[in-house]
């Protein structure tokens, strides 16, 4: 019984860690993509406020909006990388 409980606890811990990793990208890759796309040419006056992006999910949507409208050609994982970079640098949302 004790071993089964330990196994269940370990499985739940691993599953929650996997979920977090699935929801966050690579901030270093995101920084490079952000720089290459020259995002601050549009966002320089007020770089990234929480007014239109009150959550990490909305931040991802906002990054994807720019991706589509500016035709950067980023894949979903790259959009997530940029959102993760912006979150770490500016927004500080807790990713669940």
PDB file of N, CA and C in Angstrom:
ATOM      1  N   UNK A   1       0.830  -1.196   0.000  1.00  0.00           N
ATOM      2  CA  UNK A   1       0.000   0.000   0.000  1.00  0.00           C
ATOM      3  C   UNK A   1       0.870   1.254   0.000  1.00  0.00           C
ATOM      4  N   UNK A   2       1.900   1.263   0.860  1.00  0.00           N
ATOM      5  CA  UNK A   2       2.793   2.416   0.955  1.00  0.00           C
ATOM      6  C   UNK A   2       3.532   2.636  -0.366  1.00  0.00           C
ATOM      7  N   UNK A   3       3.944   1.538  -0.989  1.00  0.00           N
ATOM      8  CA  UNK A   3       4.647   1.642  -2.270  1.00  0.00           C
ATOM      9  C   UNK A   3       3.715   2.184  -3.360  1.00  0.00           C
ATOM     10  N   UNK A   4       2.474   1.746  -3.344  1.00  0.00           N
ATOM     11  CA  UNK A   4       1.497   2.223  -4.331  1.00  0.00           C
ATOM     12  C   UNK A   4       1.251   3.718  -4.162  1.00  0.00           C
ATOM     13  N   UNK A   5       1.185   4.166  -2.926  1.00  0.00           N
ATOM     14  CA  UNK A   5       0.986   5.588  -2.647  1.00  0.00           C
ATOM     15  C   UNK A   5       2.183   6.408  -3.123  1.00  0.00           C
ATOM     16  N   UNK A   6       3.372   5.895  -2.905  1.00  0.00           N
ATOM     17  CA  UNK A   6       4.585   6.568  -3.356  1.00  0.00           C
ATOM     18  C   UNK A   6       4.611   6.655  -4.882  1.00  0.00           C
ATOM     19  N   UNK A   7       4.245   5.551  -5.544  1.00  0.00           N
ATOM     20  CA  UNK A   7       4.198   5.537  -7.006  1.00  0.00           C
ATOM     21  C   UNK A   7       3.171   6.526  -7.538  1.00  0.00           C
ATOM     22  N   UNK A   8       2.007   6.580  -6.910  1.00  0.00           N
ATOM     23  CA  UNK A   8       0.968   7.516  -7.326  1.00  0.00           C
ATOM     24  C   UNK A   8       1.440   8.954  -7.146  1.00  0.00           C
ATOM     25  N   UNK A   9       2.064   9.241  -6.019  1.00  0.00           N
ATOM     26  CA  UNK A   9       2.575  10.593  -5.764  1.00  0.00           C
ATOM     27  C   UNK A   9       3.625  10.988  -6.790  1.00  0.00           C
ATOM     28  N   UNK A  10       4.528  10.082  -7.084  1.00  0.00           N
ATOM     29  CA  UNK A  10       5.577  10.363  -8.066  1.00  0.00           C
ATOM     30  C   UNK A  10       4.975  10.587  -9.450  1.00  0.00           C
ATOM     31  N   UNK A  11       3.970   9.799  -9.809  1.00  0.00           N
ATOM     32  CA  UNK A  11       3.314   9.959 -11.110  1.00  0.00           C
ATOM     33  C   UNK A  11       2.627  11.307 -11.225  1.00  0.00           C
ATOM     34  N   UNK A  12       1.935  11.714 -10.163  1.00  0.00           N
ATOM     35  CA  UNK A  12       1.257  13.009 -10.175  1.00  0.00           C
ATOM     36  C   UNK A  12       2.252  14.157 -10.260  1.00  0.00           C
ATOM     37  N   UNK A  13       3.348  14.041  -9.545  1.00  0.00           N
ATOM     38  CA  UNK A  13       4.380  15.075  -9.584  1.00  0.00           C
ATOM     39  C   UNK A  13       4.971  15.184 -10.984  1.00  0.00           C
ATOM     40  N   UNK A  14       5.255  14.064 -11.591  1.00  0.00           N
ATOM     41  CA  UNK A  14       5.799  14.049 -12.948  1.00  0.00           C
ATOM     42  C   UNK A  14       4.797  14.615 -13.950  1.00  0.00           C
ATOM     43  N   UNK A  15       3.534  14.253 -13.797  1.00  0.00           N
ATOM     44  CA  UNK A  15       2.500  14.762 -14.705  1.00  0.00           C
ATOM     45  C   UNK A  15       2.360  16.269 -14.591  1.00  0.00           C
ATOM     46  N   UNK A  16       2.420  16.798 -13.379  1.00  0.00           N
ATOM     47  CA  UNK A  16       2.292  18.249 -13.217  1.00  0.00           C
ATOM     48  C   UNK A  16       3.508  18.965 -13.781  1.00  0.00           C
ATOM     49  N   UNK A  17       4.681  18.406 -13.635  1.00  0.00           N
ATOM     50  CA  UNK A  17       5.891  19.013 -14.200  1.00  0.00           C
ATOM     51  C   UNK A  17       5.833  18.992 -15.723  1.00  0.00           C
ATOM     52  N   UNK A  18       5.320  17.919 -16.289  1.00  0.00           N
ATOM     53  CA  UNK A  18       5.184  17.821 -17.737  1.00  0.00           C
ATOM     54  C   UNK A  18       4.193  18.848 -18.247  1.00  0.00           C
ATOM     55  N   UNK A  19       3.105  19.066 -17.503  1.00  0.00           N
ATOM     56  CA  UNK A  19       2.104  20.058 -17.903  1.00  0.00           C
ATOM     57  C   UNK A  19       2.716  21.453 -17.950  1.00  0.00           C
ATOM     58  N   UNK A  20       3.503  21.809 -16.958  1.00  0.00           N
ATOM     59  CA  UNK A  20       4.143  23.127 -16.941  1.00  0.00           C
ATOM     60  C   UNK A  20       5.073  23.267 -18.132  1.00  0.00           C
ATOM     61  N   UNK A  21       5.865  22.238 -18.399  1.00  0.00           N
ATOM     62  CA  UNK A  21       6.783  22.307 -19.529  1.00  0.00           C
ATOM     63  C   UNK A  21       6.038  22.404 -20.854  1.00  0.00           C
ATOM     64  N   UNK A  22       4.864  21.779 -20.931  1.00  0.00           N
ATOM     65  CA  UNK A  22       4.084  21.846 -22.158  1.00  0.00           C
ATOM     66  C   UNK A  22       3.512  23.242 -22.368  1.00  0.00           C
ATOM     67  N   UNK A  23       3.367  24.009 -21.294  1.00  0.00           N
ATOM     68  CA  UNK A  23       2.774  25.333 -21.382  1.00  0.00           C
ATOM     69  C   UNK A  23       3.808  26.444 -21.459  1.00  0.00           C
ATOM     70  N   UNK A  24       5.063  26.123 -21.388  1.00  0.00           N
ATOM     71  CA  UNK A  24       6.070  27.173 -21.471  1.00  0.00           C
ATOM     72  C   UNK A  24       7.082  26.818 -22.555  1.00  0.00           C
ATOM     73  N   UNK A  25       7.566  27.845 -23.198  1.00  0.00           N
ATOM     74  CA  UNK A  25       8.523  27.642 -24.277  1.00  0.00           C
ATOM     75  C   UNK A  25       9.945  27.919 -23.828  1.00  0.00           C
ATOM     76  N   UNK A  26      10.804  28.103 -24.787  1.00  0.00           N
ATOM     77  CA  UNK A  26      12.217  28.370 -24.548  1.00  0.00           C
ATOM     78  C   UNK A  26      12.451  29.879 -24.639  1.00  0.00           C
ATOM     79  N   UNK A  27      12.702  30.538 -23.504  1.00  0.00           N
ATOM     80  CA  UNK A  27      12.852  31.994 -23.531  1.00  0.00           C
ATOM     81  C   UNK A  27      14.054  32.477 -24.341  1.00  0.00           C
ATOM     82  N   UNK A  28      15.126  31.698 -24.399  1.00  0.00           N
ATOM     83  CA  UNK A  28      16.292  32.118 -25.199  1.00  0.00           C
ATOM     84  C   UNK A  28      15.960  32.121 -26.685  1.00  0.00           C
ATOM     85  N   UNK A  29      15.273  31.084 -27.121  1.00  0.00           N
ATOM     86  CA  UNK A  29      14.845  31.040 -28.526  1.00  0.00           C
ATOM     87  C   UNK A  29      13.858  32.170 -28.795  1.00  0.00           C
ATOM     88  N   UNK A  30      12.971  32.429 -27.832  1.00  0.00           N
ATOM     89  CA  UNK A  30      11.999  33.507 -27.974  1.00  0.00           C
ATOM     90  C   UNK A  30      12.649  34.870 -28.078  1.00  0.00           C
ATOM     91  N   UNK A  31      13.699  35.080 -27.298  1.00  0.00           N
ATOM     92  CA  UNK A  31      14.416  36.358 -27.359  1.00  0.00           C
ATOM     93  C   UNK A  31      15.020  36.571 -28.746  1.00  0.00           C
ATOM     94  N   UNK A  32      15.596  35.531 -29.288  1.00  0.00           N
ATOM     95  CA  UNK A  32      16.202  35.621 -30.620  1.00  0.00           C
ATOM     96  C   UNK A  32      15.145  35.890 -31.694  1.00  0.00           C
ATOM     97  N   UNK A  33      14.023  35.182 -31.626  1.00  0.00           N
ATOM     98  CA  UNK A  33      12.936  35.397 -32.588  1.00  0.00           C
ATOM     99  C   UNK A  33      12.374  36.809 -32.462  1.00  0.00           C
ATOM    100  N   UNK A  34      12.220  37.274 -31.233  1.00  0.00           N
ATOM    101  CA  UNK A  34      11.699  38.619 -30.948  1.00  0.00           C
ATOM    102  C   UNK A  34      12.617  39.677 -31.557  1.00  0.00           C
ATOM    103  N   UNK A  35      13.911  39.480 -31.384  1.00  0.00           N
ATOM    104  CA  UNK A  35      14.887  40.427 -31.929  1.00  0.00           C
ATOM    105  C   UNK A  35      14.894  40.383 -33.455  1.00  0.00           C
ATOM    106  N   UNK A  36      14.905  39.183 -34.020  1.00  0.00           N
ATOM    107  CA  UNK A  36      14.941  39.032 -35.481  1.00  0.00           C
ATOM    108  C   UNK A  36      13.711  39.638 -36.156  1.00  0.00           C
ATOM    109  N   UNK A  37      12.561  39.571 -35.485  1.00  0.00           N
ATOM    110  CA  UNK A  37      11.323  40.115 -36.062  1.00  0.00           C
ATOM    111  C   UNK A  37      11.192  41.615 -35.823  1.00  0.00           C
ATOM    112  N   UNK A  38      12.148  42.189 -35.079  1.00  0.00           N
ATOM    113  CA  UNK A  38      12.149  43.626 -34.801  1.00  0.00           C
ATOM    114  C   UNK A  38      10.834  44.095 -34.161  1.00  0.00           C
ATOM    115  N   UNK A  39      10.364  43.323 -33.193  1.00  0.00           N
ATOM    116  CA  UNK A  39       9.073  43.594 -32.546  1.00  0.00           C
ATOM    117  C   UNK A  39       9.018  44.971 -31.888  1.00  0.00           C
ATOM    118  N   UNK A  40      10.146  45.436 -31.365  1.00  0.00           N
ATOM    119  CA  UNK A  40      10.137  46.731 -30.680  1.00  0.00           C
ATOM    120  C   UNK A  40       9.964  47.909 -31.632  1.00  0.00           C
ATOM    121  N   UNK A  41      10.041  47.671 -32.931  1.00  0.00           N
ATOM    122  CA  UNK A  41       9.776  48.768 -33.866  1.00  0.00           C
ATOM    123  C   UNK A  41       8.318  49.217 -33.761  1.00  0.00           C
ATOM    124  N   UNK A  42       7.434  48.321 -33.392  1.00  0.00           N
ATOM    125  CA  UNK A  42       6.022  48.684 -33.174  1.00  0.00           C
ATOM    126  C   UNK A  42       5.710  48.907 -31.696  1.00  0.00           C
ATOM    127  N   UNK A  43       6.412  48.210 -30.828  1.00  0.00           N
ATOM    128  CA  UNK A  43       6.076  48.217 -29.408  1.00  0.00           C
ATOM    129  C   UNK A  43       7.002  49.083 -28.562  1.00  0.00           C
ATOM    130  N   UNK A  44       7.816  49.916 -29.177  1.00  0.00           N
ATOM    131  CA  UNK A  44       8.829  50.682 -28.441  1.00  0.00           C
ATOM    132  C   UNK A  44       8.241  51.738 -27.514  1.00  0.00           C
ATOM    133  N   UNK A  45       7.157  52.391 -27.911  1.00  0.00           N
ATOM    134  CA  UNK A  45       6.600  53.487 -27.106  1.00  0.00           C
ATOM    135  C   UNK A  45       6.136  53.003 -25.736  1.00  0.00           C
ATOM    136  N   UNK A  46       5.473  51.882 -25.695  1.00  0.00           N
ATOM    137  CA  UNK A  46       4.997  51.310 -24.436  1.00  0.00           C
ATOM    138  C   UNK A  46       5.223  49.810 -24.496  1.00  0.00           C
ATOM    139  N   UNK A  47       6.464  49.392 -24.277  1.00  0.00           N
ATOM    140  CA  UNK A  47       6.751  47.980 -24.492  1.00  0.00           C
ATOM    141  C   UNK A  47       6.007  47.078 -23.511  1.00  0.00           C
ATOM    142  N   UNK A  48       4.933  46.523 -24.007  1.00  0.00           N
ATOM    143  CA  UNK A  48       4.281  45.407 -23.354  1.00  0.00           C
ATOM    144  C   UNK A  48       3.660  45.739 -21.997  1.00  0.00           C
ATOM    145  N   UNK A  49       2.410  46.149 -22.036  1.00  0.00           N
ATOM    146  CA  UNK A  49       1.648  46.366 -20.807  1.00  0.00           C
ATOM    147  C   UNK A  49       0.625  45.244 -20.663  1.00  0.00           C
ATOM    148  N   UNK A  50       0.108  45.087 -19.463  1.00  0.00           N
ATOM    149  CA  UNK A  50      -0.853  44.020 -19.203  1.00  0.00           C
ATOM    150  C   UNK A  50      -2.287  44.418 -19.550  1.00  0.00           C
ATOM    151  N   UNK A  51      -2.502  45.623 -20.054  1.00  0.00           N
ATOM    152  CA  UNK A  51      -3.863  46.095 -20.333  1.00  0.00           C
ATOM    153  C   UNK A  51      -4.619  45.175 -21.300  1.00  0.00           C
ATOM    154  N   UNK A  52      -3.976  44.770 -22.375  1.00  0.00           N
ATOM    155  CA  UNK A  52      -4.648  43.919 -23.361  1.00  0.00           C
ATOM    156  C   UNK A  52      -4.297  42.445 -23.211  1.00  0.00           C
ATOM    157  N   UNK A  53      -3.363  42.150 -22.351  1.00  0.00           N
ATOM    158  CA  UNK A  53      -2.936  40.763 -22.158  1.00  0.00           C
ATOM    159  C   UNK A  53      -2.911  40.434 -20.668  1.00  0.00           C
ATOM    160  N   UNK A  54      -4.082  40.225 -20.056  1.00  0.00           N
ATOM    161  CA  UNK A  54      -4.143  40.021 -18.608  1.00  0.00           C
ATOM    162  C   UNK A  54      -3.771  38.617 -18.126  1.00  0.00           C
ATOM    163  N   UNK A  55      -3.376  37.732 -19.035  1.00  0.00           N
ATOM    164  CA  UNK A  55      -2.995  36.375 -18.639  1.00  0.00           C
ATOM    165  C   UNK A  55      -1.975  35.836 -19.638  1.00  0.00           C
ATOM    166  N   UNK A  56      -1.317  34.755 -19.260  1.00  0.00           N
ATOM    167  CA  UNK A  56      -0.342  34.145 -20.156  1.00  0.00           C
ATOM    168  C   UNK A  56      -1.021  33.637 -21.432  1.00  0.00           C
ATOM    169  N   UNK A  57      -2.223  33.096 -21.292  1.00  0.00           N
ATOM    170  CA  UNK A  57      -2.953  32.609 -22.461  1.00  0.00           C
ATOM    171  C   UNK A  57      -3.246  33.752 -23.436  1.00  0.00           C
ATOM    172  N   UNK A  58      -3.636  34.907 -22.907  1.00  0.00           N
ATOM    173  CA  UNK A  58      -3.902  36.071 -23.763  1.00  0.00           C
ATOM    174  C   UNK A  58      -2.606  36.595 -24.379  1.00  0.00           C
ATOM    175  N   UNK A  59      -1.502  36.471 -23.651  1.00  0.00           N
ATOM    176  CA  UNK A  59      -0.202  36.865 -24.190  1.00  0.00           C
ATOM    177  C   UNK A  59       0.150  36.003 -25.399  1.00  0.00           C
ATOM    178  N   UNK A  60      -0.076  34.706 -25.287  1.00  0.00           N
ATOM    179  CA  UNK A  60       0.170  33.807 -26.418  1.00  0.00           C
ATOM    180  C   UNK A  60      -0.686  34.230 -27.609  1.00  0.00           C
ATOM    181  N   UNK A  61      -1.950  34.539 -27.354  1.00  0.00           N
ATOM    182  CA  UNK A  61      -2.854  34.972 -28.429  1.00  0.00           C
ATOM    183  C   UNK A  61      -2.369  36.274 -29.062  1.00  0.00           C
ATOM    184  N   UNK A  62      -1.873  37.202 -28.246  1.00  0.00           N
ATOM    185  CA  UNK A  62      -1.374  38.480 -28.769  1.00  0.00           C
ATOM    186  C   UNK A  62      -0.127  38.274 -29.627  1.00  0.00           C
ATOM    187  N   UNK A  63       0.768  37.413 -29.174  1.00  0.00           N
ATOM    188  CA  UNK A  63       1.972  37.118 -29.962  1.00  0.00           C
ATOM    189  C   UNK A  63       1.571  36.465 -31.282  1.00  0.00           C
ATOM    190  N   UNK A  64       0.603  35.562 -31.225  1.00  0.00           N
ATOM    191  CA  UNK A  64       0.157  34.918 -32.457  1.00  0.00           C
ATOM    192  C   UNK A  64      -0.534  35.909 -33.391  1.00  0.00           C
ATOM    193  N   UNK A  65      -1.242  36.893 -32.831  1.00  0.00           N
ATOM    194  CA  UNK A  65      -1.864  37.945 -33.644  1.00  0.00           C
ATOM    195  C   UNK A  65      -0.791  38.676 -34.455  1.00  0.00           C
ATOM    196  N   UNK A  66       0.283  39.057 -33.795  1.00  0.00           N
ATOM    197  CA  UNK A  66       1.391  39.717 -34.504  1.00  0.00           C
ATOM    198  C   UNK A  66       2.017  38.769 -35.522  1.00  0.00           C
ATOM    199  N   UNK A  67       2.187  37.517 -35.138  1.00  0.00           N
ATOM    200  CA  UNK A  67       2.755  36.519 -36.029  1.00  0.00           C
ATOM    201  C   UNK A  67       1.960  36.425 -37.329  1.00  0.00           C
ATOM    202  N   UNK A  68       0.647  36.335 -37.213  1.00  0.00           N
ATOM    203  CA  UNK A  68      -0.214  36.192 -38.393  1.00  0.00           C
ATOM    204  C   UNK A  68      -0.246  37.481 -39.208  1.00  0.00           C
ATOM    205  N   UNK A  69      -0.431  38.611 -38.535  1.00  0.00           N
ATOM    206  CA  UNK A  69      -0.592  39.874 -39.255  1.00  0.00           C
ATOM    207  C   UNK A  69       0.700  40.417 -39.851  1.00  0.00           C
ATOM    208  N   UNK A  70       1.821  40.058 -39.268  1.00  0.00           N
ATOM    209  CA  UNK A  70       3.103  40.522 -39.806  1.00  0.00           C
ATOM    210  C   UNK A  70       3.809  39.445 -40.618  1.00  0.00           C
ATOM    211  N   UNK A  71       3.162  38.280 -40.717  1.00  0.00           N
ATOM    212  CA  UNK A  71       3.669  37.179 -41.525  1.00  0.00           C
ATOM    213  C   UNK A  71       5.102  36.797 -41.151  1.00  0.00           C
ATOM    214  N   UNK A  72       5.339  36.631 -39.856  1.00  0.00           N
ATOM    215  CA  UNK A  72       6.684  36.240 -39.416  1.00  0.00           C
ATOM    216  C   UNK A  72       6.994  34.790 -39.750  1.00  0.00           C
ATOM    217  N   UNK A  73       5.951  33.990 -39.925  1.00  0.00           N
ATOM    218  CA  UNK A  73       6.163  32.596 -40.285  1.00  0.00           C
ATOM    219  C   UNK A  73       6.516  31.699 -39.117  1.00  0.00           C
ATOM    220  N   UNK A  74       6.241  32.153 -37.899  1.00  0.00           N
ATOM    221  CA  UNK A  74       6.556  31.333 -36.730  1.00  0.00           C
ATOM    222  C   UNK A  74       5.588  30.166 -36.614  1.00  0.00           C
ATOM    223  N   UNK A  75       6.122  29.036 -36.176  1.00  0.00           N
ATOM    224  CA  UNK A  75       5.303  27.883 -35.840  1.00  0.00           C
ATOM    225  C   UNK A  75       4.757  28.066 -34.424  1.00  0.00           C
ATOM    226  N   UNK A  76       3.811  27.210 -34.025  1.00  0.00           N
ATOM    227  CA  UNK A  76       3.196  27.325 -32.700  1.00  0.00           C
ATOM    228  C   UNK A  76       4.229  27.312 -31.578  1.00  0.00           C
ATOM    229  N   UNK A  77       5.224  26.432 -31.697  1.00  0.00           N
ATOM    230  CA  UNK A  77       6.227  26.359 -30.634  1.00  0.00           C
ATOM    231  C   UNK A  77       7.064  27.636 -30.576  1.00  0.00           C
ATOM    232  N   UNK A  78       7.269  28.288 -31.700  1.00  0.00           N
ATOM    233  CA  UNK A  78       8.024  29.539 -31.716  1.00  0.00           C
ATOM    234  C   UNK A  78       7.203  30.687 -31.126  1.00  0.00           C
ATOM    235  N   UNK A  79       5.900  30.690 -31.387  1.00  0.00           N
ATOM    236  CA  UNK A  79       5.012  31.672 -30.753  1.00  0.00           C
ATOM    237  C   UNK A  79       5.084  31.494 -29.240  1.00  0.00           C
ATOM    238  N   UNK A  80       5.056  30.250 -28.789  1.00  0.00           N
ATOM    239  CA  UNK A  80       5.158  29.960 -27.359  1.00  0.00           C
ATOM    240  C   UNK A  80       6.516  30.385 -26.807  1.00  0.00           C
ATOM    241  N   UNK A  81       7.578  30.208 -27.574  1.00  0.00           N
ATOM    242  CA  UNK A  81       8.911  30.657 -27.152  1.00  0.00           C
ATOM    243  C   UNK A  81       8.932  32.173 -26.943  1.00  0.00           C
ATOM    244  N   UNK A  82       8.369  32.916 -27.886  1.00  0.00           N
ATOM    245  CA  UNK A  82       8.347  34.378 -27.784  1.00  0.00           C
ATOM    246  C   UNK A  82       7.485  34.804 -26.602  1.00  0.00           C
ATOM    247  N   UNK A  83       6.328  34.180 -26.438  1.00  0.00           N
ATOM    248  CA  UNK A  83       5.455  34.513 -25.308  1.00  0.00           C
ATOM    249  C   UNK A  83       6.155  34.226 -23.980  1.00  0.00           C
ATOM    250  N   UNK A  84       6.884  33.135 -23.909  1.00  0.00           N
ATOM    251  CA  UNK A  84       7.611  32.796 -22.683  1.00  0.00           C
ATOM    252  C   UNK A  84       8.708  33.817 -22.410  1.00  0.00           C
ATOM    253  N   UNK A  85       9.423  34.220 -23.442  1.00  0.00           N
ATOM    254  CA  UNK A  85      10.449  35.258 -23.291  1.00  0.00           C
ATOM    255  C   UNK A  85       9.826  36.557 -22.782  1.00  0.00           C
ATOM    256  N   UNK A  86       8.743  37.000 -23.424  1.00  0.00           N
ATOM    257  CA  UNK A  86       8.090  38.244 -23.007  1.00  0.00           C
ATOM    258  C   UNK A  86       7.557  38.137 -21.584  1.00  0.00           C
ATOM    259  N   UNK A  87       7.042  36.976 -21.242  1.00  0.00           N
ATOM    260  CA  UNK A  87       6.531  36.777 -19.891  1.00  0.00           C
ATOM    261  C   UNK A  87       7.646  36.899 -18.861  1.00  0.00           C
ATOM    262  N   UNK A  88       8.778  36.290 -19.142  1.00  0.00           N
ATOM    263  CA  UNK A  88       9.900  36.366 -18.198  1.00  0.00           C
ATOM    264  C   UNK A  88      10.464  37.780 -18.103  1.00  0.00           C
ATOM    265  N   UNK A  89      10.509  38.493 -19.213  1.00  0.00           N
ATOM    266  CA  UNK A  89      11.117  39.823 -19.224  1.00  0.00           C
ATOM    267  C   UNK A  89      10.172  40.918 -18.742  1.00  0.00           C
ATOM    268  N   UNK A  90       8.896  40.855 -19.135  1.00  0.00           N
ATOM    269  CA  UNK A  90       7.977  41.959 -18.862  1.00  0.00           C
ATOM    270  C   UNK A  90       6.782  41.599 -17.977  1.00  0.00           C
ATOM    271  N   UNK A  91       6.111  40.497 -18.260  1.00  0.00           N
ATOM    272  CA  UNK A  91       4.794  40.254 -17.673  1.00  0.00           C
ATOM    273  C   UNK A  91       4.811  39.565 -16.312  1.00  0.00           C
ATOM    274  N   UNK A  92       5.613  38.553 -16.154  1.00  0.00           N
ATOM    275  CA  UNK A  92       5.751  37.817 -14.890  1.00  0.00           C
ATOM    276  C   UNK A  92       4.489  37.056 -14.480  1.00  0.00           C
ATOM    277  N   UNK A  93       3.726  36.555 -15.453  1.00  0.00           N
ATOM    278  CA  UNK A  93       2.564  35.734 -15.127  1.00  0.00           C
ATOM    279  C   UNK A  93       3.030  34.381 -14.612  1.00  0.00           C
ATOM    280  N   UNK A  94       2.280  33.821 -13.680  1.00  0.00           N
ATOM    281  CA  UNK A  94       2.551  32.475 -13.200  1.00  0.00           C
ATOM    282  C   UNK A  94       1.964  31.515 -14.218  1.00  0.00           C
ATOM    283  N   UNK A  95       2.781  30.617 -14.720  1.00  0.00           N
ATOM    284  CA  UNK A  95       2.334  29.649 -15.717  1.00  0.00           C
ATOM    285  C   UNK A  95       1.911  28.388 -14.986  1.00  0.00           C
ATOM    286  N   UNK A  96       0.650  28.019 -15.168  1.00  0.00           N
ATOM    287  CA  UNK A  96       0.125  26.826 -14.480  1.00  0.00           C
ATOM    288  C   UNK A  96      -0.045  25.679 -15.418  1.00  0.00           C
TER     289      UNK A  96
END
